[in-house]
Amino acid sequence: MPEANDHRTTLTDLWRAHMAAPFPPGLRGAERSGIDMVLLDASIAGCVSSWLDHAGSPDTRRLEIAERCVLELDQVLPLLTGTEEIEYFRRLRRMAALVSLPES
């Protein structure tokens, strides 16, 4: 079971870093590729929170949201230019990807 524990530890560490990071000010109220950046952030936050609260067993709806968010992040990440923006949304993508993967 160490792999499942690593999965949880990685996600927990990313979540803590994310919660300490301010939302990039230049993206408040912004859309990239038709995707609302604040909503994308909030959607992933809900998925991560649910995953952590339910011992790595989110419901089907949350898994679908996380998978959709990964696809959306793949669209918007190449459009970001600021270092803080890129770092912030790369971390979100990593968290969304971890949530959408089954724990080993």
PDB file of N, CA and C in Angstrom:
ATOM      1  N   MET A   1       0.784  -1.220   0.000  1.00  0.00           N
ATOM      2  CA  MET A   1       0.000   0.000   0.000  1.00  0.00           C
ATOM      3  C   MET A   1       0.823   1.281   0.000  1.00  0.00           C
ATOM      4  N   PRO A   2       2.147   1.209  -0.086  1.00  0.00           N
ATOM      5  CA  PRO A   2       2.897   2.460  -0.072  1.00  0.00           C
ATOM      6  C   PRO A   2       2.563   3.365  -1.249  1.00  0.00           C
ATOM      7  N   GLU A   3       2.205   2.792  -2.403  1.00  0.00           N
ATOM      8  CA  GLU A   3       1.889   3.627  -3.557  1.00  0.00           C
ATOM      9  C   GLU A   3       0.655   4.489  -3.297  1.00  0.00           C
ATOM     10  N   ALA A   4      -0.375   3.926  -2.671  1.00  0.00           N
ATOM     11  CA  ALA A   4      -1.577   4.687  -2.349  1.00  0.00           C
ATOM     12  C   ALA A   4      -1.232   5.811  -1.383  1.00  0.00           C
ATOM     13  N   ASN A   5      -0.365   5.503  -0.442  1.00  0.00           N
ATOM     14  CA  ASN A   5       0.049   6.518   0.523  1.00  0.00           C
ATOM     15  C   ASN A   5       0.830   7.630  -0.173  1.00  0.00           C
ATOM     16  N   ASP A   6       1.688   7.266  -1.139  1.00  0.00           N
ATOM     17  CA  ASP A   6       2.432   8.268  -1.899  1.00  0.00           C
ATOM     18  C   ASP A   6       1.483   9.160  -2.685  1.00  0.00           C
ATOM     19  N   HIS A   7       0.468   8.558  -3.271  1.00  0.00           N
ATOM     20  CA  HIS A   7      -0.548   9.288  -4.039  1.00  0.00           C
ATOM     21  C   HIS A   7      -1.202  10.335  -3.129  1.00  0.00           C
ATOM     22  N   ARG A   8      -1.641   9.904  -1.951  1.00  0.00           N
ATOM     23  CA  ARG A   8      -2.286  10.804  -0.993  1.00  0.00           C
ATOM     24  C   ARG A   8      -1.314  11.883  -0.513  1.00  0.00           C
ATOM     25  N   THR A   9      -0.084  11.500  -0.213  1.00  0.00           N
ATOM     26  CA  THR A   9       0.909  12.453   0.274  1.00  0.00           C
ATOM     27  C   THR A   9       1.209  13.510  -0.788  1.00  0.00           C
ATOM     28  N   THR A  10       1.377  13.073  -2.019  1.00  0.00           N
ATOM     29  CA  THR A  10       1.646  14.013  -3.114  1.00  0.00           C
ATOM     30  C   THR A  10       0.492  14.992  -3.275  1.00  0.00           C
ATOM     31  N   LEU A  11      -0.721  14.460  -3.289  1.00  0.00           N
ATOM     32  CA  LEU A  11      -1.887  15.328  -3.464  1.00  0.00           C
ATOM     33  C   LEU A  11      -2.049  16.278  -2.277  1.00  0.00           C
ATOM     34  N   THR A  12      -1.826  15.778  -1.083  1.00  0.00           N
ATOM     35  CA  THR A  12      -1.924  16.618   0.118  1.00  0.00           C
ATOM     36  C   THR A  12      -0.887  17.744   0.073  1.00  0.00           C
ATOM     37  N   ASP A  13       0.337  17.418  -0.322  1.00  0.00           N
ATOM     38  CA  ASP A  13       1.392  18.438  -0.408  1.00  0.00           C
ATOM     39  C   ASP A  13       1.052  19.487  -1.469  1.00  0.00           C
ATOM     40  N   LEU A  14       0.574  19.033  -2.624  1.00  0.00           N
ATOM     41  CA  LEU A  14       0.182  19.972  -3.683  1.00  0.00           C
ATOM     42  C   LEU A  14      -0.969  20.862  -3.216  1.00  0.00           C
ATOM     43  N   TRP A  15      -1.924  20.273  -2.514  1.00  0.00           N
ATOM     44  CA  TRP A  15      -3.085  21.011  -2.018  1.00  0.00           C
ATOM     45  C   TRP A  15      -2.648  22.100  -1.037  1.00  0.00           C
ATOM     46  N   ARG A  16      -1.748  21.752  -0.122  1.00  0.00           N
ATOM     47  CA  ARG A  16      -1.246  22.738   0.846  1.00  0.00           C
ATOM     48  C   ARG A  16      -0.552  23.902   0.127  1.00  0.00           C
ATOM     49  N   ALA A  17       0.275  23.569  -0.860  1.00  0.00           N
ATOM     50  CA  ALA A  17       0.964  24.611  -1.625  1.00  0.00           C
ATOM     51  C   ALA A  17      -0.045  25.472  -2.379  1.00  0.00           C
ATOM     52  N   HIS A  18      -1.059  24.829  -2.909  1.00  0.00           N
ATOM     53  CA  HIS A  18      -2.076  25.555  -3.661  1.00  0.00           C
ATOM     54  C   HIS A  18      -2.857  26.506  -2.756  1.00  0.00           C
ATOM     55  N   MET A  19      -3.225  26.033  -1.593  1.00  0.00           N
ATOM     56  CA  MET A  19      -4.003  26.859  -0.670  1.00  0.00           C
ATOM     57  C   MET A  19      -3.199  28.068  -0.175  1.00  0.00           C
ATOM     58  N   ALA A  20      -1.883  27.947  -0.179  1.00  0.00           N
ATOM     59  CA  ALA A  20      -1.039  29.058   0.268  1.00  0.00           C
ATOM     60  C   ALA A  20      -0.742  30.049  -0.863  1.00  0.00           C
ATOM     61  N   ALA A  21      -1.030  29.666  -2.085  1.00  0.00           N
ATOM     62  CA  ALA A  21      -0.712  30.515  -3.237  1.00  0.00           C
ATOM     63  C   ALA A  21      -1.899  31.403  -3.596  1.00  0.00           C
ATOM     64  N   PRO A  22      -1.648  32.678  -3.851  1.00  0.00           N
ATOM     65  CA  PRO A  22      -2.741  33.549  -4.281  1.00  0.00           C
ATOM     66  C   PRO A  22      -3.126  33.251  -5.736  1.00  0.00           C
ATOM     67  N   PHE A  23      -4.408  33.431  -6.027  1.00  0.00           N
ATOM     68  CA  PHE A  23      -4.853  33.280  -7.409  1.00  0.00           C
ATOM     69  C   PHE A  23      -4.180  34.375  -8.240  1.00  0.00           C
ATOM     70  N   PRO A  24      -3.659  34.027  -9.410  1.00  0.00           N
ATOM     71  CA  PRO A  24      -2.983  35.043 -10.232  1.00  0.00           C
ATOM     72  C   PRO A  24      -3.920  36.222 -10.547  1.00  0.00           C
ATOM     73  N   PRO A  25      -3.570  37.423 -10.114  1.00  0.00           N
ATOM     74  CA  PRO A  25      -4.472  38.566 -10.265  1.00  0.00           C
ATOM     75  C   PRO A  25      -4.859  38.875 -11.705  1.00  0.00           C
ATOM     76  N   GLY A  26      -3.970  38.617 -12.648  1.00  0.00           N
ATOM     77  CA  GLY A  26      -4.265  38.904 -14.039  1.00  0.00           C
ATOM     78  C   GLY A  26      -5.301  37.972 -14.654  1.00  0.00           C
ATOM     79  N   LEU A  27      -5.650  36.912 -13.932  1.00  0.00           N
ATOM     80  CA  LEU A  27      -6.617  35.949 -14.465  1.00  0.00           C
ATOM     81  C   LEU A  27      -7.976  36.021 -13.772  1.00  0.00           C
ATOM     82  N   ARG A  28      -8.112  36.936 -12.812  1.00  0.00           N
ATOM     83  CA  ARG A  28      -9.432  37.106 -12.167  1.00  0.00           C
ATOM     84  C   ARG A  28     -10.410  37.614 -13.206  1.00  0.00           C
ATOM     85  N   GLY A  29     -11.505  36.902 -13.366  1.00  0.00           N
ATOM     86  CA  GLY A  29     -12.521  37.296 -14.336  1.00  0.00           C
ATOM     87  C   GLY A  29     -12.125  37.040 -15.781  1.00  0.00           C
ATOM     88  N   ALA A  30     -11.004  36.363 -15.994  1.00  0.00           N
ATOM     89  CA  ALA A  30     -10.508  36.126 -17.350  1.00  0.00           C
ATOM     90  C   ALA A  30     -10.947  34.764 -17.881  1.00  0.00           C
ATOM     91  N   GLU A  31     -11.019  34.712 -19.188  1.00  0.00           N
ATOM     92  CA  GLU A  31     -11.241  33.454 -19.896  1.00  0.00           C
ATOM     93  C   GLU A  31     -10.069  33.248 -20.837  1.00  0.00           C
ATOM     94  N   ARG A  32      -9.692  32.012 -20.976  1.00  0.00           N
ATOM     95  CA  ARG A  32      -8.691  31.624 -21.969  1.00  0.00           C
ATOM     96  C   ARG A  32      -9.302  30.469 -22.744  1.00  0.00           C
ATOM     97  N   SER A  33      -9.293  30.584 -24.043  1.00  0.00           N
ATOM     98  CA  SER A  33      -9.854  29.544 -24.905  1.00  0.00           C
ATOM     99  C   SER A  33     -11.309  29.240 -24.517  1.00  0.00           C
ATOM    100  N   GLY A  34     -12.024  30.301 -24.083  1.00  0.00           N
ATOM    101  CA  GLY A  34     -13.421  30.147 -23.696  1.00  0.00           C
ATOM    102  C   GLY A  34     -13.644  29.502 -22.337  1.00  0.00           C
ATOM    103  N   ILE A  35     -12.583  29.340 -21.567  1.00  0.00           N
ATOM    104  CA  ILE A  35     -12.662  28.673 -20.259  1.00  0.00           C
ATOM    105  C   ILE A  35     -12.459  29.710 -19.161  1.00  0.00           C
ATOM    106  N   ASP A  36     -13.417  29.800 -18.265  1.00  0.00           N
ATOM    107  CA  ASP A  36     -13.352  30.721 -17.127  1.00  0.00           C
ATOM    108  C   ASP A  36     -12.299  30.205 -16.149  1.00  0.00           C
ATOM    109  N   MET A  37     -11.260  30.987 -15.939  1.00  0.00           N
ATOM    110  CA  MET A  37     -10.132  30.542 -15.126  1.00  0.00           C
ATOM    111  C   MET A  37     -10.475  30.383 -13.644  1.00  0.00           C
ATOM    112  N   VAL A  38     -11.310  31.268 -13.126  1.00  0.00           N
ATOM    113  CA  VAL A  38     -11.712  31.149 -11.719  1.00  0.00           C
ATOM    114  C   VAL A  38     -12.570  29.896 -11.526  1.00  0.00           C
ATOM    115  N   LEU A  39     -13.480  29.650 -12.442  1.00  0.00           N
ATOM    116  CA  LEU A  39     -14.335  28.469 -12.355  1.00  0.00           C
ATOM    117  C   LEU A  39     -13.511  27.188 -12.473  1.00  0.00           C
ATOM    118  N   LEU A  40     -12.517  27.197 -13.333  1.00  0.00           N
ATOM    119  CA  LEU A  40     -11.630  26.045 -13.482  1.00  0.00           C
ATOM    120  C   LEU A  40     -10.918  25.759 -12.166  1.00  0.00           C
ATOM    121  N   ASP A  41     -10.397  26.798 -11.545  1.00  0.00           N
ATOM    122  CA  ASP A  41      -9.738  26.675 -10.245  1.00  0.00           C
ATOM    123  C   ASP A  41     -10.704  26.115  -9.196  1.00  0.00           C
ATOM    124  N   ALA A  42     -11.897  26.672  -9.136  1.00  0.00           N
ATOM    125  CA  ALA A  42     -12.886  26.238  -8.140  1.00  0.00           C
ATOM    126  C   ALA A  42     -13.325  24.795  -8.373  1.00  0.00           C
ATOM    127  N   SER A  43     -13.475  24.414  -9.624  1.00  0.00           N
ATOM    128  CA  SER A  43     -13.889  23.038  -9.939  1.00  0.00           C
ATOM    129  C   SER A  43     -12.853  22.034  -9.459  1.00  0.00           C
ATOM    130  N   ILE A  44     -11.598  22.331  -9.708  1.00  0.00           N
ATOM    131  CA  ILE A  44     -10.538  21.421  -9.273  1.00  0.00           C
ATOM    132  C   ILE A  44     -10.428  21.415  -7.755  1.00  0.00           C
ATOM    133  N   ALA A  45     -10.553  22.574  -7.149  1.00  0.00           N
ATOM    134  CA  ALA A  45     -10.500  22.643  -5.679  1.00  0.00           C
ATOM    135  C   ALA A  45     -11.584  21.764  -5.061  1.00  0.00           C
ATOM    136  N   GLY A  46     -12.789  21.794  -5.630  1.00  0.00           N
ATOM    137  CA  GLY A  46     -13.865  20.950  -5.127  1.00  0.00           C
ATOM    138  C   GLY A  46     -13.550  19.472  -5.271  1.00  0.00           C
ATOM    139  N   CYS A  47     -12.952  19.102  -6.390  1.00  0.00           N
ATOM    140  CA  CYS A  47     -12.589  17.701  -6.618  1.00  0.00           C
ATOM    141  C   CYS A  47     -11.509  17.237  -5.646  1.00  0.00           C
ATOM    142  N   VAL A  48     -10.499  18.067  -5.450  1.00  0.00           N
ATOM    143  CA  VAL A  48      -9.401  17.712  -4.547  1.00  0.00           C
ATOM    144  C   VAL A  48      -9.913  17.605  -3.117  1.00  0.00           C
ATOM    145  N   SER A  49     -10.688  18.576  -2.702  1.00  0.00           N
ATOM    146  CA  SER A  49     -11.242  18.566  -1.352  1.00  0.00           C
ATOM    147  C   SER A  49     -12.082  17.310  -1.114  1.00  0.00           C
ATOM    148  N   SER A  50     -12.916  16.979  -2.077  1.00  0.00           N
ATOM    149  CA  SER A  50     -13.754  15.779  -1.971  1.00  0.00           C
ATOM    150  C   SER A  50     -12.888  14.519  -1.911  1.00  0.00           C
ATOM    151  N   TRP A  51     -11.884  14.471  -2.756  1.00  0.00           N
ATOM    152  CA  TRP A  51     -10.985  13.305  -2.791  1.00  0.00           C
ATOM    153  C   TRP A  51     -10.314  13.122  -1.435  1.00  0.00           C
ATOM    154  N   LEU A  52      -9.794  14.202  -0.874  1.00  0.00           N
ATOM    155  CA  LEU A  52      -9.106  14.122   0.416  1.00  0.00           C
ATOM    156  C   LEU A  52     -10.081  13.782   1.544  1.00  0.00           C
ATOM    157  N   ASP A  53     -11.293  14.343   1.503  1.00  0.00           N
ATOM    158  CA  ASP A  53     -12.295  14.087   2.542  1.00  0.00           C
ATOM    159  C   ASP A  53     -12.855  12.671   2.499  1.00  0.00           C
ATOM    160  N   HIS A  54     -12.821  12.050   1.321  1.00  0.00           N
ATOM    161  CA  HIS A  54     -13.420  10.722   1.165  1.00  0.00           C
ATOM    162  C   HIS A  54     -12.366   9.639   0.945  1.00  0.00           C
ATOM    163  N   ALA A  55     -11.210   9.832   1.543  1.00  0.00           N
ATOM    164  CA  ALA A  55     -10.144   8.830   1.533  1.00  0.00           C
ATOM    165  C   ALA A  55      -9.817   8.325   0.132  1.00  0.00           C
ATOM    166  N   GLY A  56      -9.752   9.243  -0.821  1.00  0.00           N
ATOM    167  CA  GLY A  56      -9.360   8.857  -2.170  1.00  0.00           C
ATOM    168  C   GLY A  56     -10.434   8.186  -2.981  1.00  0.00           C
ATOM    169  N   SER A  57     -11.681   8.300  -2.545  1.00  0.00           N
ATOM    170  CA  SER A  57     -12.790   7.657  -3.260  1.00  0.00           C
ATOM    171  C   SER A  57     -13.848   8.685  -3.649  1.00  0.00           C
ATOM    172  N   PRO A  58     -13.538   9.565  -4.579  1.00  0.00           N
ATOM    173  CA  PRO A  58     -14.541  10.547  -4.982  1.00  0.00           C
ATOM    174  C   PRO A  58     -15.652   9.883  -5.793  1.00  0.00           C
ATOM    175  N   ASP A  59     -16.781  10.540  -5.855  1.00  0.00           N
ATOM    176  CA  ASP A  59     -17.884   9.989  -6.629  1.00  0.00           C
ATOM    177  C   ASP A  59     -17.614  10.141  -8.130  1.00  0.00           C
ATOM    178  N   THR A  60     -18.414   9.459  -8.918  1.00  0.00           N
ATOM    179  CA  THR A  60     -18.250   9.454 -10.375  1.00  0.00           C
ATOM    180  C   THR A  60     -18.298  10.863 -10.945  1.00  0.00           C
ATOM    181  N   ARG A  61     -19.186  11.688 -10.426  1.00  0.00           N
ATOM    182  CA  ARG A  61     -19.314  13.061 -10.920  1.00  0.00           C
ATOM    183  C   ARG A  61     -18.016  13.838 -10.733  1.00  0.00           C
ATOM    184  N   ARG A  62     -17.407  13.698  -9.565  1.00  0.00           N
ATOM    185  CA  ARG A  62     -16.141  14.407  -9.296  1.00  0.00           C
ATOM    186  C   ARG A  62     -15.031  13.889 -10.213  1.00  0.00           C
ATOM    187  N   LEU A  63     -15.011  12.590 -10.465  1.00  0.00           N
ATOM    188  CA  LEU A  63     -14.005  12.040 -11.372  1.00  0.00           C
ATOM    189  C   LEU A  63     -14.170  12.613 -12.774  1.00  0.00           C
ATOM    190  N   GLU A  64     -15.408  12.717 -13.221  1.00  0.00           N
ATOM    191  CA  GLU A  64     -15.674  13.279 -14.550  1.00  0.00           C
ATOM    192  C   GLU A  64     -15.258  14.749 -14.609  1.00  0.00           C
ATOM    193  N   ILE A  65     -15.534  15.486 -13.550  1.00  0.00           N
ATOM    194  CA  ILE A  65     -15.138  16.899 -13.504  1.00  0.00           C
ATOM    195  C   ILE A  65     -13.617  17.007 -13.554  1.00  0.00           C
ATOM    196  N   ALA A  66     -12.916  16.189 -12.768  1.00  0.00           N
ATOM    197  CA  ALA A  66     -11.452  16.237 -12.746  1.00  0.00           C
ATOM    198  C   ALA A  66     -10.885  15.914 -14.129  1.00  0.00           C
ATOM    199  N   GLU A  67     -11.434  14.914 -14.786  1.00  0.00           N
ATOM    200  CA  GLU A  67     -10.965  14.542 -16.126  1.00  0.00           C
ATOM    201  C   GLU A  67     -11.209  15.680 -17.118  1.00  0.00           C
ATOM    202  N   ARG A  68     -12.373  16.317 -17.038  1.00  0.00           N
ATOM    203  CA  ARG A  68     -12.682  17.443 -17.924  1.00  0.00           C
ATOM    204  C   ARG A  68     -11.715  18.598 -17.662  1.00  0.00           C
ATOM    205  N   CYS A  69     -11.426  18.844 -16.396  1.00  0.00           N
ATOM    206  CA  CYS A  69     -10.521  19.937 -16.031  1.00  0.00           C
ATOM    207  C   CYS A  69      -9.111  19.698 -16.569  1.00  0.00           C
ATOM    208  N   VAL A  70      -8.653  18.453 -16.566  1.00  0.00           N
ATOM    209  CA  VAL A  70      -7.339  18.144 -17.138  1.00  0.00           C
ATOM    210  C   VAL A  70      -7.322  18.537 -18.611  1.00  0.00           C
ATOM    211  N   LEU A  71      -8.375  18.184 -19.331  1.00  0.00           N
ATOM    212  CA  LEU A  71      -8.465  18.532 -20.755  1.00  0.00           C
ATOM    213  C   LEU A  71      -8.502  20.053 -20.951  1.00  0.00           C
ATOM    214  N   GLU A  72      -9.255  20.740 -20.104  1.00  0.00           N
ATOM    215  CA  GLU A  72      -9.324  22.197 -20.204  1.00  0.00           C
ATOM    216  C   GLU A  72      -7.972  22.839 -19.898  1.00  0.00           C
ATOM    217  N   LEU A  73      -7.286  22.316 -18.905  1.00  0.00           N
ATOM    218  CA  LEU A  73      -5.967  22.845 -18.566  1.00  0.00           C
ATOM    219  C   LEU A  73      -4.978  22.620 -19.702  1.00  0.00           C
ATOM    220  N   ASP A  74      -5.114  21.500 -20.386  1.00  0.00           N
ATOM    221  CA  ASP A  74      -4.245  21.258 -21.533  1.00  0.00           C
ATOM    222  C   ASP A  74      -4.478  22.303 -22.628  1.00  0.00           C
ATOM    223  N   GLN A  75      -5.676  22.845 -22.691  1.00  0.00           N
ATOM    224  CA  GLN A  75      -5.981  23.903 -23.662  1.00  0.00           C
ATOM    225  C   GLN A  75      -5.437  25.256 -23.219  1.00  0.00           C
ATOM    226  N   VAL A  76      -5.573  25.566 -21.931  1.00  0.00           N
ATOM    227  CA  VAL A  76      -5.221  26.916 -21.478  1.00  0.00           C
ATOM    228  C   VAL A  76      -3.758  27.090 -21.084  1.00  0.00           C
ATOM    229  N   LEU A  77      -3.107  26.049 -20.622  1.00  0.00           N
ATOM    230  CA  LEU A  77      -1.714  26.206 -20.173  1.00  0.00           C
ATOM    231  C   LEU A  77      -0.801  26.797 -21.250  1.00  0.00           C
ATOM    232  N   PRO A  78      -0.901  26.383 -22.516  1.00  0.00           N
ATOM    233  CA  PRO A  78      -0.026  26.988 -23.523  1.00  0.00           C
ATOM    234  C   PRO A  78      -0.308  28.478 -23.767  1.00  0.00           C
ATOM    235  N   LEU A  79      -1.457  28.961 -23.308  1.00  0.00           N
ATOM    236  CA  LEU A  79      -1.826  30.360 -23.522  1.00  0.00           C
ATOM    237  C   LEU A  79      -1.366  31.275 -22.394  1.00  0.00           C
ATOM    238  N   LEU A  80      -0.905  30.687 -21.303  1.00  0.00           N
ATOM    239  CA  LEU A  80      -0.478  31.482 -20.158  1.00  0.00           C
ATOM    240  C   LEU A  80       0.952  31.960 -20.360  1.00  0.00           C
ATOM    241  N   THR A  81       1.240  33.183 -19.891  1.00  0.00           N
ATOM    242  CA  THR A  81       2.565  33.755 -20.109  1.00  0.00           C
ATOM    243  C   THR A  81       3.315  34.069 -18.826  1.00  0.00           C
ATOM    244  N   GLY A  82       2.603  34.424 -17.786  1.00  0.00           N
ATOM    245  CA  GLY A  82       3.265  34.779 -16.530  1.00  0.00           C
ATOM    246  C   GLY A  82       3.749  33.564 -15.771  1.00  0.00           C
ATOM    247  N   THR A  83       4.924  33.678 -15.174  1.00  0.00           N
ATOM    248  CA  THR A  83       5.507  32.569 -14.413  1.00  0.00           C
ATOM    249  C   THR A  83       4.572  32.097 -13.309  1.00  0.00           C
ATOM    250  N   GLU A  84       3.985  33.044 -12.555  1.00  0.00           N
ATOM    251  CA  GLU A  84       3.078  32.669 -11.463  1.00  0.00           C
ATOM    252  C   GLU A  84       1.833  31.984 -12.003  1.00  0.00           C
ATOM    253  N   GLU A  85       1.307  32.486 -13.113  1.00  0.00           N
ATOM    254  CA  GLU A  85       0.124  31.875 -13.734  1.00  0.00           C
ATOM    255  C   GLU A  85       0.423  30.441 -14.150  1.00  0.00           C
ATOM    256  N   ILE A  86       1.549  30.259 -14.810  1.00  0.00           N
ATOM    257  CA  ILE A  86       1.923  28.929 -15.298  1.00  0.00           C
ATOM    258  C   ILE A  86       2.104  27.970 -14.125  1.00  0.00           C
ATOM    259  N   GLU A  87       2.829  28.405 -13.108  1.00  0.00           N
ATOM    260  CA  GLU A  87       3.068  27.558 -11.935  1.00  0.00           C
ATOM    261  C   GLU A  87       1.752  27.189 -11.248  1.00  0.00           C
ATOM    262  N   TYR A  88       0.898  28.166 -11.071  1.00  0.00           N
ATOM    263  CA  TYR A  88      -0.387  27.966 -10.400  1.00  0.00           C
ATOM    264  C   TYR A  88      -1.240  26.938 -11.144  1.00  0.00           C
ATOM    265  N   PHE A  89      -1.349  27.095 -12.455  1.00  0.00           N
ATOM    266  CA  PHE A  89      -2.219  26.207 -13.218  1.00  0.00           C
ATOM    267  C   PHE A  89      -1.565  24.866 -13.551  1.00  0.00           C
ATOM    268  N   ARG A  90      -0.255  24.798 -13.561  1.00  0.00           N
ATOM    269  CA  ARG A  90       0.407  23.483 -13.677  1.00  0.00           C
ATOM    270  C   ARG A  90       0.135  22.654 -12.423  1.00  0.00           C
ATOM    271  N   ARG A  91       0.190  23.321 -11.274  1.00  0.00           N
ATOM    272  CA  ARG A  91      -0.102  22.613 -10.019  1.00  0.00           C
ATOM    273  C   ARG A  91      -1.551  22.128 -10.030  1.00  0.00           C
ATOM    274  N   LEU A  92      -2.464  22.981 -10.501  1.00  0.00           N
ATOM    275  CA  LEU A  92      -3.867  22.554 -10.607  1.00  0.00           C
ATOM    276  C   LEU A  92      -4.010  21.340 -11.516  1.00  0.00           C
ATOM    277  N   ARG A  93      -3.294  21.355 -12.632  1.00  0.00           N
ATOM    278  CA  ARG A  93      -3.393  20.232 -13.559  1.00  0.00           C
ATOM    279  C   ARG A  93      -2.882  18.949 -12.910  1.00  0.00           C
ATOM    280  N   ARG A  94      -1.792  19.073 -12.208  1.00  0.00           N
ATOM    281  CA  ARG A  94      -1.237  17.886 -11.529  1.00  0.00           C
ATOM    282  C   ARG A  94      -2.225  17.341 -10.499  1.00  0.00           C
ATOM    283  N   MET A  95      -2.854  18.231  -9.750  1.00  0.00           N
ATOM    284  CA  MET A  95      -3.844  17.781  -8.765  1.00  0.00           C
ATOM    285  C   MET A  95      -5.044  17.134  -9.448  1.00  0.00           C
ATOM    286  N   ALA A  96      -5.542  17.735 -10.510  1.00  0.00           N
ATOM    287  CA  ALA A  96      -6.694  17.177 -11.225  1.00  0.00           C
ATOM    288  C   ALA A  96      -6.350  15.802 -11.787  1.00  0.00           C
ATOM    289  N   ALA A  97      -5.130  15.665 -12.304  1.00  0.00           N
ATOM    290  CA  ALA A  97      -4.706  14.375 -12.841  1.00  0.00           C
ATOM    291  C   ALA A  97      -4.625  13.317 -11.733  1.00  0.00           C
ATOM    292  N   LEU A  98      -4.106  13.697 -10.583  1.00  0.00           N
ATOM    293  CA  LEU A  98      -4.018  12.751  -9.467  1.00  0.00           C
ATOM    294  C   LEU A  98      -5.399  12.321  -8.978  1.00  0.00           C
ATOM    295  N   VAL A  99      -6.324  13.277  -8.924  1.00  0.00           N
ATOM    296  CA  VAL A  99      -7.686  12.951  -8.490  1.00  0.00           C
ATOM    297  C   VAL A  99      -8.348  11.992  -9.477  1.00  0.00           C
ATOM    298  N   SER A 100      -8.062  12.157 -10.756  1.00  0.00           N
ATOM    299  CA  SER A 100      -8.720  11.315 -11.764  1.00  0.00           C
ATOM    300  C   SER A 100      -8.095   9.935 -11.913  1.00  0.00           C
ATOM    301  N   LEU A 101      -6.954   9.721 -11.280  1.00  0.00           N
ATOM    302  CA  LEU A 101      -6.311   8.399 -11.303  1.00  0.00           C
ATOM    303  C   LEU A 101      -6.760   7.574 -10.111  1.00  0.00           C
ATOM    304  N   PRO A 102      -6.931   6.277 -10.304  1.00  0.00           N
ATOM    305  CA  PRO A 102      -7.261   5.441  -9.143  1.00  0.00           C
ATOM    306  C   PRO A 102      -6.036   5.333  -8.233  1.00  0.00           C
ATOM    307  N   GLU A 103      -6.289   5.255  -6.941  1.00  0.00           N
ATOM    308  CA  GLU A 103      -5.182   5.044  -6.002  1.00  0.00           C
ATOM    309  C   GLU A 103      -4.708   3.613  -6.184  1.00  0.00           C
ATOM    310  N   SER A 104      -3.401   3.419  -6.188  1.00  0.00           N
ATOM    311  CA  SER A 104      -2.837   2.062  -6.351  1.00  0.00           C
ATOM    312  C   SER A 104      -2.799   1.361  -5.025  1.00  0.00           C
TER     313      SER A 104
END
